[in-house]
């Protein structure tokens, strides 16, 4: 039984994308804060009632977020696109 729900966040072309494997949930946001809040809102209903048992998650679980940072060259591309 895992006490952690893992979420991966990475930068798309315009938004941050968040994906959770178990339970399978995807969402996006313009900022990291927004995408984290949206992920919390998206995961909560999946875990209500029997969801915790279905996904073998204890009631006192934690959410672990992994953030994929862009490389320096990707950051330059994002900055150029943002200011053009």
PDB file of N, CA and C in Angstrom:
ATOM      1  N   UNK A   1       0.848  -1.176   0.000  1.00  0.00           N
ATOM      2  CA  UNK A   1       0.000   0.000   0.000  1.00  0.00           C
ATOM      3  C   UNK A   1       0.894   1.240   0.000  1.00  0.00           C
ATOM      4  N   UNK A   2       0.732   2.081  -0.973  1.00  0.00           N
ATOM      5  CA  UNK A   2       1.553   3.283  -1.098  1.00  0.00           C
ATOM      6  C   UNK A   2       0.920   4.433  -0.330  1.00  0.00           C
ATOM      7  N   UNK A   3       1.733   5.188   0.377  1.00  0.00           N
ATOM      8  CA  UNK A   3       1.238   6.353   1.105  1.00  0.00           C
ATOM      9  C   UNK A   3       1.417   7.630   0.276  1.00  0.00           C
ATOM     10  N   UNK A   4       1.892   7.478  -0.940  1.00  0.00           N
ATOM     11  CA  UNK A   4       2.202   8.637  -1.775  1.00  0.00           C
ATOM     12  C   UNK A   4       1.487   8.535  -3.118  1.00  0.00           C
ATOM     13  N   UNK A   5       0.847   9.638  -3.515  1.00  0.00           N
ATOM     14  CA  UNK A   5       0.287   9.767  -4.860  1.00  0.00           C
ATOM     15  C   UNK A   5       1.287  10.617  -5.626  1.00  0.00           C
ATOM     16  N   UNK A   6       1.871  10.068  -6.691  1.00  0.00           N
ATOM     17  CA  UNK A   6       2.906  10.789  -7.430  1.00  0.00           C
ATOM     18  C   UNK A   6       2.312  11.547  -8.610  1.00  0.00           C
ATOM     19  N   UNK A   7       2.757  12.773  -8.761  1.00  0.00           N
ATOM     20  CA  UNK A   7       2.311  13.646  -9.844  1.00  0.00           C
ATOM     21  C   UNK A   7       3.543  14.184 -10.559  1.00  0.00           C
ATOM     22  N   UNK A   8       3.538  14.123 -11.869  1.00  0.00           N
ATOM     23  CA  UNK A   8       4.628  14.683 -12.680  1.00  0.00           C
ATOM     24  C   UNK A   8       4.111  15.967 -13.315  1.00  0.00           C
ATOM     25  N   UNK A   9       4.877  17.045 -13.192  1.00  0.00           N
ATOM     26  CA  UNK A   9       4.513  18.326 -13.806  1.00  0.00           C
ATOM     27  C   UNK A   9       5.623  18.712 -14.771  1.00  0.00           C
ATOM     28  N   UNK A  10       5.229  19.098 -15.972  1.00  0.00           N
ATOM     29  CA  UNK A  10       6.214  19.552 -16.952  1.00  0.00           C
ATOM     30  C   UNK A  10       5.611  20.689 -17.766  1.00  0.00           C
ATOM     31  N   UNK A  11       6.475  21.423 -18.415  1.00  0.00           N
ATOM     32  CA  UNK A  11       6.064  22.601 -19.186  1.00  0.00           C
ATOM     33  C   UNK A  11       5.710  22.186 -20.602  1.00  0.00           C
ATOM     34  N   UNK A  12       4.488  22.507 -21.032  1.00  0.00           N
ATOM     35  CA  UNK A  12       4.088  22.317 -22.416  1.00  0.00           C
ATOM     36  C   UNK A  12       4.410  23.587 -23.184  1.00  0.00           C
ATOM     37  N   UNK A  13       3.842  23.738 -24.376  1.00  0.00           N
ATOM     38  CA  UNK A  13       4.116  24.947 -25.163  1.00  0.00           C
ATOM     39  C   UNK A  13       3.549  26.196 -24.501  1.00  0.00           C
ATOM     40  N   UNK A  14       2.345  26.091 -23.923  1.00  0.00           N
ATOM     41  CA  UNK A  14       1.712  27.257 -23.306  1.00  0.00           C
ATOM     42  C   UNK A  14       1.364  27.058 -21.836  1.00  0.00           C
ATOM     43  N   UNK A  15       1.266  25.821 -21.389  1.00  0.00           N
ATOM     44  CA  UNK A  15       0.803  25.538 -20.039  1.00  0.00           C
ATOM     45  C   UNK A  15       1.713  24.535 -19.344  1.00  0.00           C
ATOM     46  N   UNK A  16       1.596  24.495 -18.028  1.00  0.00           N
ATOM     47  CA  UNK A  16       2.193  23.407 -17.265  1.00  0.00           C
ATOM     48  C   UNK A  16       1.204  22.250 -17.300  1.00  0.00           C
ATOM     49  N   UNK A  17       1.696  21.058 -17.522  1.00  0.00           N
ATOM     50  CA  UNK A  17       0.875  19.858 -17.598  1.00  0.00           C
ATOM     51  C   UNK A  17       1.172  19.021 -16.357  1.00  0.00           C
ATOM     52  N   UNK A  18       0.129  18.509 -15.714  1.00  0.00           N
ATOM     53  CA  UNK A  18       0.292  17.634 -14.552  1.00  0.00           C
ATOM     54  C   UNK A  18      -0.381  16.310 -14.853  1.00  0.00           C
ATOM     55  N   UNK A  19       0.328  15.225 -14.581  1.00  0.00           N
ATOM     56  CA  UNK A  19      -0.264  13.910 -14.782  1.00  0.00           C
ATOM     57  C   UNK A  19       0.019  13.025 -13.579  1.00  0.00           C
ATOM     58  N   UNK A  20      -1.019  12.333 -13.172  1.00  0.00           N
ATOM     59  CA  UNK A  20      -0.959  11.392 -12.064  1.00  0.00           C
ATOM     60  C   UNK A  20      -1.271  10.020 -12.650  1.00  0.00           C
ATOM     61  N   UNK A  21      -0.494   9.011 -12.292  1.00  0.00           N
ATOM     62  CA  UNK A  21      -0.688   7.672 -12.846  1.00  0.00           C
ATOM     63  C   UNK A  21      -1.787   6.921 -12.104  1.00  0.00           C
ATOM     64  N   UNK A  22      -1.705   6.846 -10.780  1.00  0.00           N
ATOM     65  CA  UNK A  22      -2.710   6.149  -9.969  1.00  0.00           C
ATOM     66  C   UNK A  22      -3.211   7.061  -8.884  1.00  0.00           C
ATOM     67  N   UNK A  23      -4.406   7.576  -8.969  1.00  0.00           N
ATOM     68  CA  UNK A  23      -5.411   7.365 -10.004  1.00  0.00           C
ATOM     69  C   UNK A  23      -5.055   8.161 -11.257  1.00  0.00           C
ATOM     70  N   UNK A  24      -5.498   7.701 -12.420  1.00  0.00           N
ATOM     71  CA  UNK A  24      -5.162   8.394 -13.671  1.00  0.00           C
ATOM     72  C   UNK A  24      -5.906   9.723 -13.801  1.00  0.00           C
ATOM     73  N   UNK A  25      -5.159  10.815 -13.638  1.00  0.00           N
ATOM     74  CA  UNK A  25      -5.733  12.162 -13.697  1.00  0.00           C
ATOM     75  C   UNK A  25      -4.750  13.055 -14.443  1.00  0.00           C
ATOM     76  N   UNK A  26      -5.272  13.910 -15.311  1.00  0.00           N
ATOM     77  CA  UNK A  26      -4.460  14.883 -16.047  1.00  0.00           C
ATOM     78  C   UNK A  26      -5.107  16.250 -15.910  1.00  0.00           C
ATOM     79  N   UNK A  27      -4.295  17.293 -15.819  1.00  0.00           N
ATOM     80  CA  UNK A  27      -4.812  18.651 -15.815  1.00  0.00           C
ATOM     81  C   UNK A  27      -3.696  19.587 -16.278  1.00  0.00           C
ATOM     82  N   UNK A  28      -3.998  20.881 -16.382  1.00  0.00           N
ATOM     83  CA  UNK A  28      -3.004  21.861 -16.819  1.00  0.00           C
ATOM     84  C   UNK A  28      -3.304  23.200 -16.171  1.00  0.00           C
ATOM     85  N   UNK A  29      -2.318  24.107 -16.194  1.00  0.00           N
ATOM     86  CA  UNK A  29      -2.499  25.448 -15.666  1.00  0.00           C
ATOM     87  C   UNK A  29      -1.438  26.378 -16.219  1.00  0.00           C
ATOM     88  N   UNK A  30      -1.708  27.671 -16.137  1.00  0.00           N
ATOM     89  CA  UNK A  30      -0.759  28.668 -16.650  1.00  0.00           C
ATOM     90  C   UNK A  30       0.460  28.832 -15.738  1.00  0.00           C
ATOM     91  N   UNK A  31       0.275  28.595 -14.432  1.00  0.00           N
ATOM     92  CA  UNK A  31       1.380  28.711 -13.477  1.00  0.00           C
ATOM     93  C   UNK A  31       1.519  27.399 -12.702  1.00  0.00           C
ATOM     94  N   UNK A  32       2.649  27.231 -12.024  1.00  0.00           N
ATOM     95  CA  UNK A  32       2.838  26.036 -11.197  1.00  0.00           C
ATOM     96  C   UNK A  32       1.804  25.988 -10.076  1.00  0.00           C
ATOM     97  N   UNK A  33       1.553  27.135  -9.437  1.00  0.00           N
ATOM     98  CA  UNK A  33       0.550  27.166  -8.368  1.00  0.00           C
ATOM     99  C   UNK A  33      -0.818  26.737  -8.881  1.00  0.00           C
ATOM    100  N   UNK A  34      -1.187  27.237 -10.054  1.00  0.00           N
ATOM    101  CA  UNK A  34      -2.493  26.900 -10.622  1.00  0.00           C
ATOM    102  C   UNK A  34      -2.595  25.408 -10.950  1.00  0.00           C
ATOM    103  N   UNK A  35      -1.568  24.846 -11.548  1.00  0.00           N
ATOM    104  CA  UNK A  35      -1.638  23.433 -11.933  1.00  0.00           C
ATOM    105  C   UNK A  35      -1.647  22.532 -10.694  1.00  0.00           C
ATOM    106  N   UNK A  36      -0.939  22.905  -9.630  1.00  0.00           N
ATOM    107  CA  UNK A  36      -0.962  22.107  -8.398  1.00  0.00           C
ATOM    108  C   UNK A  36      -2.354  22.150  -7.778  1.00  0.00           C
ATOM    109  N   UNK A  37      -2.965  23.328  -7.703  1.00  0.00           N
ATOM    110  CA  UNK A  37      -4.323  23.436  -7.158  1.00  0.00           C
ATOM    111  C   UNK A  37      -5.324  22.640  -7.990  1.00  0.00           C
ATOM    112  N   UNK A  38      -5.207  22.744  -9.305  1.00  0.00           N
ATOM    113  CA  UNK A  38      -6.120  21.999 -10.173  1.00  0.00           C
ATOM    114  C   UNK A  38      -5.933  20.495 -10.021  1.00  0.00           C
ATOM    115  N   UNK A  39      -4.696  20.049  -9.791  1.00  0.00           N
ATOM    116  CA  UNK A  39      -4.460  18.621  -9.592  1.00  0.00           C
ATOM    117  C   UNK A  39      -5.091  18.158  -8.289  1.00  0.00           C
ATOM    118  N   UNK A  40      -4.951  18.947  -7.220  1.00  0.00           N
ATOM    119  CA  UNK A  40      -5.596  18.586  -5.954  1.00  0.00           C
ATOM    120  C   UNK A  40      -7.105  18.445  -6.153  1.00  0.00           C
ATOM    121  N   UNK A  41      -7.702  19.405  -6.861  1.00  0.00           N
ATOM    122  CA  UNK A  41      -9.143  19.365  -7.123  1.00  0.00           C
ATOM    123  C   UNK A  41      -9.526  18.169  -7.990  1.00  0.00           C
ATOM    124  N   UNK A  42      -8.660  17.783  -8.905  1.00  0.00           N
ATOM    125  CA  UNK A  42      -8.964  16.667  -9.813  1.00  0.00           C
ATOM    126  C   UNK A  42      -8.798  15.311  -9.122  1.00  0.00           C
ATOM    127  N   UNK A  43      -7.823  15.199  -8.218  1.00  0.00           N
ATOM    128  CA  UNK A  43      -7.567  13.922  -7.543  1.00  0.00           C
ATOM    129  C   UNK A  43      -8.611  13.648  -6.458  1.00  0.00           C
ATOM    130  N   UNK A  44      -9.028  14.672  -5.726  1.00  0.00           N
ATOM    131  CA  UNK A  44      -9.927  14.486  -4.580  1.00  0.00           C
ATOM    132  C   UNK A  44     -11.180  13.670  -4.901  1.00  0.00           C
ATOM    133  N   UNK A  45     -11.948  13.999  -5.953  1.00  0.00           N
ATOM    134  CA  UNK A  45     -13.159  13.209  -6.226  1.00  0.00           C
ATOM    135  C   UNK A  45     -12.858  11.753  -6.573  1.00  0.00           C
ATOM    136  N   UNK A  46     -11.719  11.485  -7.184  1.00  0.00           N
ATOM    137  CA  UNK A  46     -11.356  10.109  -7.553  1.00  0.00           C
ATOM    138  C   UNK A  46     -11.090   9.256  -6.318  1.00  0.00           C
ATOM    139  N   UNK A  47     -10.724   9.896  -5.200  1.00  0.00           N
ATOM    140  CA  UNK A  47     -10.361   9.154  -3.997  1.00  0.00           C
ATOM    141  C   UNK A  47     -11.479   9.100  -2.959  1.00  0.00           C
ATOM    142  N   UNK A  48     -12.606   9.759  -3.229  1.00  0.00           N
ATOM    143  CA  UNK A  48     -13.730   9.710  -2.292  1.00  0.00           C
ATOM    144  C   UNK A  48     -14.357   8.327  -2.296  1.00  0.00           C
ATOM    145  N   UNK A  49     -15.105   8.058  -1.248  1.00  0.00           N
ATOM    146  CA  UNK A  49     -15.825   6.791  -1.074  1.00  0.00           C
ATOM    147  C   UNK A  49     -14.876   5.605  -1.184  1.00  0.00           C
ATOM    148  N   UNK A  50     -15.036   4.774  -2.197  1.00  0.00           N
ATOM    149  CA  UNK A  50     -14.212   3.573  -2.327  1.00  0.00           C
ATOM    150  C   UNK A  50     -12.950   3.800  -3.150  1.00  0.00           C
ATOM    151  N   UNK A  51     -12.705   5.021  -3.584  1.00  0.00           N
ATOM    152  CA  UNK A  51     -11.535   5.301  -4.415  1.00  0.00           C
ATOM    153  C   UNK A  51     -10.217   4.950  -3.749  1.00  0.00           C
ATOM    154  N   UNK A  52     -10.132   5.199  -2.431  1.00  0.00           N
ATOM    155  CA  UNK A  52      -8.890   4.871  -1.718  1.00  0.00           C
ATOM    156  C   UNK A  52      -8.624   3.375  -1.760  1.00  0.00           C
ATOM    157  N   UNK A  53      -9.672   2.579  -1.572  1.00  0.00           N
ATOM    158  CA  UNK A  53      -9.514   1.116  -1.621  1.00  0.00           C
ATOM    159  C   UNK A  53      -9.188   0.659  -3.034  1.00  0.00           C
ATOM    160  N   UNK A  54      -9.899   1.236  -4.005  1.00  0.00           N
ATOM    161  CA  UNK A  54      -9.689   0.840  -5.410  1.00  0.00           C
ATOM    162  C   UNK A  54      -8.238   1.040  -5.835  1.00  0.00           C
ATOM    163  N   UNK A  55      -7.637   2.149  -5.422  1.00  0.00           N
ATOM    164  CA  UNK A  55      -6.260   2.463  -5.823  1.00  0.00           C
ATOM    165  C   UNK A  55      -5.248   2.046  -4.769  1.00  0.00           C
ATOM    166  N   UNK A  56      -5.717   1.366  -3.698  1.00  0.00           N
ATOM    167  CA  UNK A  56      -4.845   0.857  -2.641  1.00  0.00           C
ATOM    168  C   UNK A  56      -4.025   1.984  -2.008  1.00  0.00           C
ATOM    169  N   UNK A  57      -4.729   3.079  -1.651  1.00  0.00           N
ATOM    170  CA  UNK A  57      -4.097   4.257  -1.059  1.00  0.00           C
ATOM    171  C   UNK A  57      -4.682   4.453   0.339  1.00  0.00           C
ATOM    172  N   UNK A  58      -3.850   4.623   1.377  1.00  0.00           N
ATOM    173  CA  UNK A  58      -4.363   4.834   2.728  1.00  0.00           C
ATOM    174  C   UNK A  58      -4.957   6.233   2.874  1.00  0.00           C
ATOM    175  N   UNK A  59      -5.848   6.437   3.869  1.00  0.00           N
ATOM    176  CA  UNK A  59      -6.484   7.748   4.052  1.00  0.00           C
ATOM    177  C   UNK A  59      -5.501   8.870   4.372  1.00  0.00           C
ATOM    178  N   UNK A  60      -4.342   8.552   4.956  1.00  0.00           N
ATOM    179  CA  UNK A  60      -3.373   9.586   5.327  1.00  0.00           C
ATOM    180  C   UNK A  60      -2.246   9.708   4.295  1.00  0.00           C
ATOM    181  N   UNK A  61      -2.622   9.692   3.013  1.00  0.00           N
ATOM    182  CA  UNK A  61      -1.632   9.736   1.935  1.00  0.00           C
ATOM    183  C   UNK A  61      -1.047  11.133   1.757  1.00  0.00           C
ATOM    184  N   UNK A  62       0.075  11.203   1.052  1.00  0.00           N
ATOM    185  CA  UNK A  62       0.720  12.463   0.671  1.00  0.00           C
ATOM    186  C   UNK A  62       0.781  12.534  -0.847  1.00  0.00           C
ATOM    187  N   UNK A  63       0.892  13.755  -1.361  1.00  0.00           N
ATOM    188  CA  UNK A  63       1.075  13.946  -2.799  1.00  0.00           C
ATOM    189  C   UNK A  63       2.524  14.366  -3.023  1.00  0.00           C
ATOM    190  N   UNK A  64       3.234  13.611  -3.849  1.00  0.00           N
ATOM    191  CA  UNK A  64       4.619  13.911  -4.202  1.00  0.00           C
ATOM    192  C   UNK A  64       4.629  14.462  -5.618  1.00  0.00           C
ATOM    193  N   UNK A  65       5.143  15.676  -5.774  1.00  0.00           N
ATOM    194  CA  UNK A  65       5.165  16.322  -7.082  1.00  0.00           C
ATOM    195  C   UNK A  65       6.589  16.317  -7.619  1.00  0.00           C
ATOM    196  N   UNK A  66       6.761  15.812  -8.836  1.00  0.00           N
ATOM    197  CA  UNK A  66       8.034  15.880  -9.556  1.00  0.00           C
ATOM    198  C   UNK A  66       7.878  16.925 -10.642  1.00  0.00           C
ATOM    199  N   UNK A  67       8.767  17.897 -10.657  1.00  0.00           N
ATOM    200  CA  UNK A  67       8.699  18.954 -11.659  1.00  0.00           C
ATOM    201  C   UNK A  67       9.864  18.787 -12.622  1.00  0.00           C
ATOM    202  N   UNK A  68       9.537  18.660 -13.896  1.00  0.00           N
ATOM    203  CA  UNK A  68      10.551  18.529 -14.940  1.00  0.00           C
ATOM    204  C   UNK A  68      10.932  19.931 -15.400  1.00  0.00           C
ATOM    205  N   UNK A  69      12.177  20.322 -15.144  1.00  0.00           N
ATOM    206  CA  UNK A  69      12.641  21.656 -15.516  1.00  0.00           C
ATOM    207  C   UNK A  69      13.212  21.645 -16.928  1.00  0.00           C
ATOM    208  N   UNK A  70      12.972  22.736 -17.678  1.00  0.00           N
ATOM    209  CA  UNK A  70      13.520  22.787 -19.034  1.00  0.00           C
ATOM    210  C   UNK A  70      15.031  22.983 -19.002  1.00  0.00           C
ATOM    211  N   UNK A  71      15.687  22.519 -20.046  1.00  0.00           N
ATOM    212  CA  UNK A  71      17.128  22.726 -20.184  1.00  0.00           C
ATOM    213  C   UNK A  71      17.384  24.210 -20.462  1.00  0.00           C
ATOM    214  N   UNK A  72      18.624  24.678 -20.323  1.00  0.00           N
ATOM    215  CA  UNK A  72      18.917  26.088 -20.604  1.00  0.00           C
ATOM    216  C   UNK A  72      18.494  26.515 -22.014  1.00  0.00           C
ATOM    217  N   UNK A  73      18.695  25.664 -23.012  1.00  0.00           N
ATOM    218  CA  UNK A  73      18.304  26.046 -24.378  1.00  0.00           C
ATOM    219  C   UNK A  73      16.784  26.124 -24.500  1.00  0.00           C
ATOM    220  N   UNK A  74      16.062  25.225 -23.831  1.00  0.00           N
ATOM    221  CA  UNK A  74      14.599  25.286 -23.862  1.00  0.00           C
ATOM    222  C   UNK A  74      14.100  26.536 -23.148  1.00  0.00           C
ATOM    223  N   UNK A  75      14.770  26.920 -22.044  1.00  0.00           N
ATOM    224  CA  UNK A  75      14.381  28.135 -21.330  1.00  0.00           C
ATOM    225  C   UNK A  75      14.524  29.360 -22.221  1.00  0.00           C
ATOM    226  N   UNK A  76      15.613  29.427 -23.007  1.00  0.00           N
ATOM    227  CA  UNK A  76      15.806  30.564 -23.922  1.00  0.00           C
ATOM    228  C   UNK A  76      14.676  30.615 -24.943  1.00  0.00           C
ATOM    229  N   UNK A  77      14.270  29.458 -25.450  1.00  0.00           N
ATOM    230  CA  UNK A  77      13.176  29.410 -26.434  1.00  0.00           C
ATOM    231  C   UNK A  77      11.889  29.912 -25.802  1.00  0.00           C
ATOM    232  N   UNK A  78      11.585  29.472 -24.549  1.00  0.00           N
ATOM    233  CA  UNK A  78      10.378  29.925 -23.862  1.00  0.00           C
ATOM    234  C   UNK A  78      10.413  31.433 -23.646  1.00  0.00           C
ATOM    235  N   UNK A  79      11.577  31.955 -23.213  1.00  0.00           N
ATOM    236  CA  UNK A  79      11.707  33.386 -22.969  1.00  0.00           C
ATOM    237  C   UNK A  79      11.522  34.178 -24.263  1.00  0.00           C
ATOM    238  N   UNK A  80      12.126  33.730 -25.354  1.00  0.00           N
ATOM    239  CA  UNK A  80      11.979  34.422 -26.635  1.00  0.00           C
ATOM    240  C   UNK A  80      10.526  34.403 -27.086  1.00  0.00           C
ATOM    241  N   UNK A  81       9.861  33.279 -26.940  1.00  0.00           N
ATOM    242  CA  UNK A  81       8.457  33.167 -27.360  1.00  0.00           C
ATOM    243  C   UNK A  81       7.568  34.042 -26.492  1.00  0.00           C
ATOM    244  N   UNK A  82       7.891  34.142 -25.203  1.00  0.00           N
ATOM    245  CA  UNK A  82       7.070  34.920 -24.282  1.00  0.00           C
ATOM    246  C   UNK A  82       7.144  36.412 -24.585  1.00  0.00           C
ATOM    247  N   UNK A  83       8.298  36.899 -25.020  1.00  0.00           N
ATOM    248  CA  UNK A  83       8.476  38.325 -25.264  1.00  0.00           C
ATOM    249  C   UNK A  83       8.301  38.720 -26.727  1.00  0.00           C
ATOM    250  N   UNK A  84       7.940  37.785 -27.593  1.00  0.00           N
ATOM    251  CA  UNK A  84       7.775  38.162 -29.002  1.00  0.00           C
ATOM    252  C   UNK A  84       6.330  38.401 -29.341  1.00  0.00           C
TER     253      UNK A  84
END
